[in-house]
């Protein structure tokens, strides 16, 4: 039983290390209108609009933001899954 506790504590320590690593990994997703910067732990760090708003259709910009944010989140989820998979042996 003591060995299992040691294993669990070691795994928790490794997971904390991976979480810290994910917090430090910065990913970007962009298209012609916007650029999203996100950490691998899925915290949005920046949203940059690449074009002047006066000439851009509002609906098009809003749709671009939604698509780009979702792409950034998927990218961060994939990165996190790869890191955690290495720990669990499933990746």
C-alpha atoms as a PDB file:
ATOM      1  CA  UNK A   1       0.000   0.000   0.000  1.00  0.00           C
ATOM      2  CA  UNK A   2       2.861   2.335   0.822  1.00  0.00           C
ATOM      3  CA  UNK A   3       4.326   1.706  -2.634  1.00  0.00           C
ATOM      4  CA  UNK A   4       1.012   2.731  -4.251  1.00  0.00           C
ATOM      5  CA  UNK A   5       1.021   5.974  -2.259  1.00  0.00           C
ATOM      6  CA  UNK A   6       4.579   6.658  -3.403  1.00  0.00           C
ATOM      7  CA  UNK A   7       3.510   6.030  -7.011  1.00  0.00           C
ATOM      8  CA  UNK A   8       0.517   8.354  -6.643  1.00  0.00           C
ATOM      9  CA  UNK A   9       2.643  11.103  -5.112  1.00  0.00           C
ATOM     10  CA  UNK A  10       5.201  10.728  -7.890  1.00  0.00           C
ATOM     11  CA  UNK A  11       2.431  10.905 -10.511  1.00  0.00           C
ATOM     12  CA  UNK A  12       0.925  13.994  -8.859  1.00  0.00           C
ATOM     13  CA  UNK A  13       4.332  15.636  -8.821  1.00  0.00           C
ATOM     14  CA  UNK A  14       4.805  14.843 -12.514  1.00  0.00           C
ATOM     15  CA  UNK A  15       1.295  16.150 -13.314  1.00  0.00           C
ATOM     16  CA  UNK A  16       2.074  19.394 -11.456  1.00  0.00           C
ATOM     17  CA  UNK A  17       5.274  19.683 -13.477  1.00  0.00           C
ATOM     18  CA  UNK A  18       3.355  19.158 -16.733  1.00  0.00           C
ATOM     19  CA  UNK A  19       0.713  21.716 -15.693  1.00  0.00           C
ATOM     20  CA  UNK A  20       3.475  24.250 -15.081  1.00  0.00           C
ATOM     21  CA  UNK A  21       4.957  23.430 -18.482  1.00  0.00           C
ATOM     22  CA  UNK A  22       1.545  23.826 -20.163  1.00  0.00           C
ATOM     23  CA  UNK A  23       1.077  27.201 -18.464  1.00  0.00           C
ATOM     24  CA  UNK A  24       4.346  28.320 -20.045  1.00  0.00           C
ATOM     25  CA  UNK A  25       3.663  27.029 -23.573  1.00  0.00           C
ATOM     26  CA  UNK A  26       2.253  29.798 -25.743  1.00  0.00           C
ATOM     27  CA  UNK A  27       0.383  28.901 -28.938  1.00  0.00           C
ATOM     28  CA  UNK A  28      -1.010  31.120 -31.678  1.00  0.00           C
ATOM     29  CA  UNK A  29      -3.887  30.753 -34.093  1.00  0.00           C
ATOM     30  CA  UNK A  30      -4.593  33.294 -36.785  1.00  0.00           C
ATOM     31  CA  UNK A  31      -6.345  34.086 -40.021  1.00  0.00           C
ATOM     32  CA  UNK A  32      -6.505  37.209 -42.199  1.00  0.00           C
ATOM     33  CA  UNK A  33      -8.421  39.238 -39.592  1.00  0.00           C
ATOM     34  CA  UNK A  34      -7.415  38.135 -36.104  1.00  0.00           C
ATOM     35  CA  UNK A  35      -4.630  36.482 -34.136  1.00  0.00           C
ATOM     36  CA  UNK A  36      -5.250  34.640 -30.849  1.00  0.00           C
ATOM     37  CA  UNK A  37      -2.489  33.882 -28.346  1.00  0.00           C
ATOM     38  CA  UNK A  38      -3.319  31.120 -25.855  1.00  0.00           C
ATOM     39  CA  UNK A  39      -1.400  28.983 -23.384  1.00  0.00           C
ATOM     40  CA  UNK A  40      -1.500  25.205 -23.645  1.00  0.00           C
ATOM     41  CA  UNK A  41      -3.510  25.299 -20.402  1.00  0.00           C
ATOM     42  CA  UNK A  42      -6.185  27.195 -22.364  1.00  0.00           C
ATOM     43  CA  UNK A  43      -5.789  30.709 -21.006  1.00  0.00           C
ATOM     44  CA  UNK A  44      -6.284  33.366 -23.682  1.00  0.00           C
ATOM     45  CA  UNK A  45      -3.360  35.781 -23.487  1.00  0.00           C
ATOM     46  CA  UNK A  46      -4.116  38.116 -26.376  1.00  0.00           C
ATOM     47  CA  UNK A  47      -6.560  38.852 -29.181  1.00  0.00           C
ATOM     48  CA  UNK A  48      -5.131  40.970 -31.977  1.00  0.00           C
ATOM     49  CA  UNK A  49      -7.241  42.457 -34.747  1.00  0.00           C
ATOM     50  CA  UNK A  50      -5.094  42.716 -37.874  1.00  0.00           C
ATOM     51  CA  UNK A  51      -7.272  45.106 -39.823  1.00  0.00           C
ATOM     52  CA  UNK A  52      -9.000  48.443 -39.253  1.00  0.00           C
ATOM     53  CA  UNK A  53     -12.541  47.993 -37.978  1.00  0.00           C
ATOM     54  CA  UNK A  54     -14.025  50.717 -40.148  1.00  0.00           C
ATOM     55  CA  UNK A  55     -13.575  48.717 -43.333  1.00  0.00           C
ATOM     56  CA  UNK A  56     -14.427  45.312 -41.891  1.00  0.00           C
ATOM     57  CA  UNK A  57     -17.849  43.819 -41.759  1.00  0.00           C
ATOM     58  CA  UNK A  58     -18.722  43.335 -38.069  1.00  0.00           C
ATOM     59  CA  UNK A  59     -20.350  39.928 -38.596  1.00  0.00           C
ATOM     60  CA  UNK A  60     -17.329  38.705 -40.545  1.00  0.00           C
ATOM     61  CA  UNK A  61     -14.962  39.825 -37.775  1.00  0.00           C
ATOM     62  CA  UNK A  62     -17.125  38.204 -35.081  1.00  0.00           C
ATOM     63  CA  UNK A  63     -17.224  34.918 -37.011  1.00  0.00           C
ATOM     64  CA  UNK A  64     -13.466  35.100 -37.494  1.00  0.00           C
ATOM     65  CA  UNK A  65     -12.934  35.596 -33.759  1.00  0.00           C
ATOM     66  CA  UNK A  66     -15.109  32.591 -32.907  1.00  0.00           C
ATOM     67  CA  UNK A  67     -13.360  30.338 -35.416  1.00  0.00           C
ATOM     68  CA  UNK A  68      -9.868  31.480 -34.440  1.00  0.00           C
ATOM     69  CA  UNK A  69     -10.476  31.154 -30.686  1.00  0.00           C
ATOM     70  CA  UNK A  70     -11.937  27.671 -31.167  1.00  0.00           C
ATOM     71  CA  UNK A  71      -8.934  26.665 -33.280  1.00  0.00           C
ATOM     72  CA  UNK A  72      -6.577  27.991 -30.588  1.00  0.00           C
ATOM     73  CA  UNK A  73      -8.445  26.048 -27.878  1.00  0.00           C
ATOM     74  CA  UNK A  74      -8.305  22.834 -29.931  1.00  0.00           C
ATOM     75  CA  UNK A  75      -4.568  23.358 -30.433  1.00  0.00           C
ATOM     76  CA  UNK A  76      -4.038  23.844 -26.689  1.00  0.00           C
ATOM     77  CA  UNK A  77      -6.163  20.757 -25.896  1.00  0.00           C
ATOM     78  CA  UNK A  78      -4.103  18.669 -28.313  1.00  0.00           C
ATOM     79  CA  UNK A  79      -0.855  19.890 -26.763  1.00  0.00           C
ATOM     80  CA  UNK A  80      -2.120  19.201 -23.235  1.00  0.00           C
ATOM     81  CA  UNK A  81      -3.327  15.714 -24.235  1.00  0.00           C
ATOM     82  CA  UNK A  82       0.068  14.904 -25.732  1.00  0.00           C
ATOM     83  CA  UNK A  83       1.858  16.023 -22.561  1.00  0.00           C
ATOM     84  CA  UNK A  84      -0.516  14.130 -20.269  1.00  0.00           C
ATOM     85  CA  UNK A  85      -0.452  11.080 -22.569  1.00  0.00           C
ATOM     86  CA  UNK A  86       3.299  10.877 -22.125  1.00  0.00           C
ATOM     87  CA  UNK A  87       2.751  10.710 -18.355  1.00  0.00           C
ATOM     88  CA  UNK A  88       0.014   8.095 -18.460  1.00  0.00           C
ATOM     89  CA  UNK A  89       1.541   6.057 -21.257  1.00  0.00           C
ATOM     90  CA  UNK A  90      -1.597   6.528 -23.397  1.00  0.00           C
ATOM     91  CA  UNK A  91      -0.103   9.058 -25.795  1.00  0.00           C
END
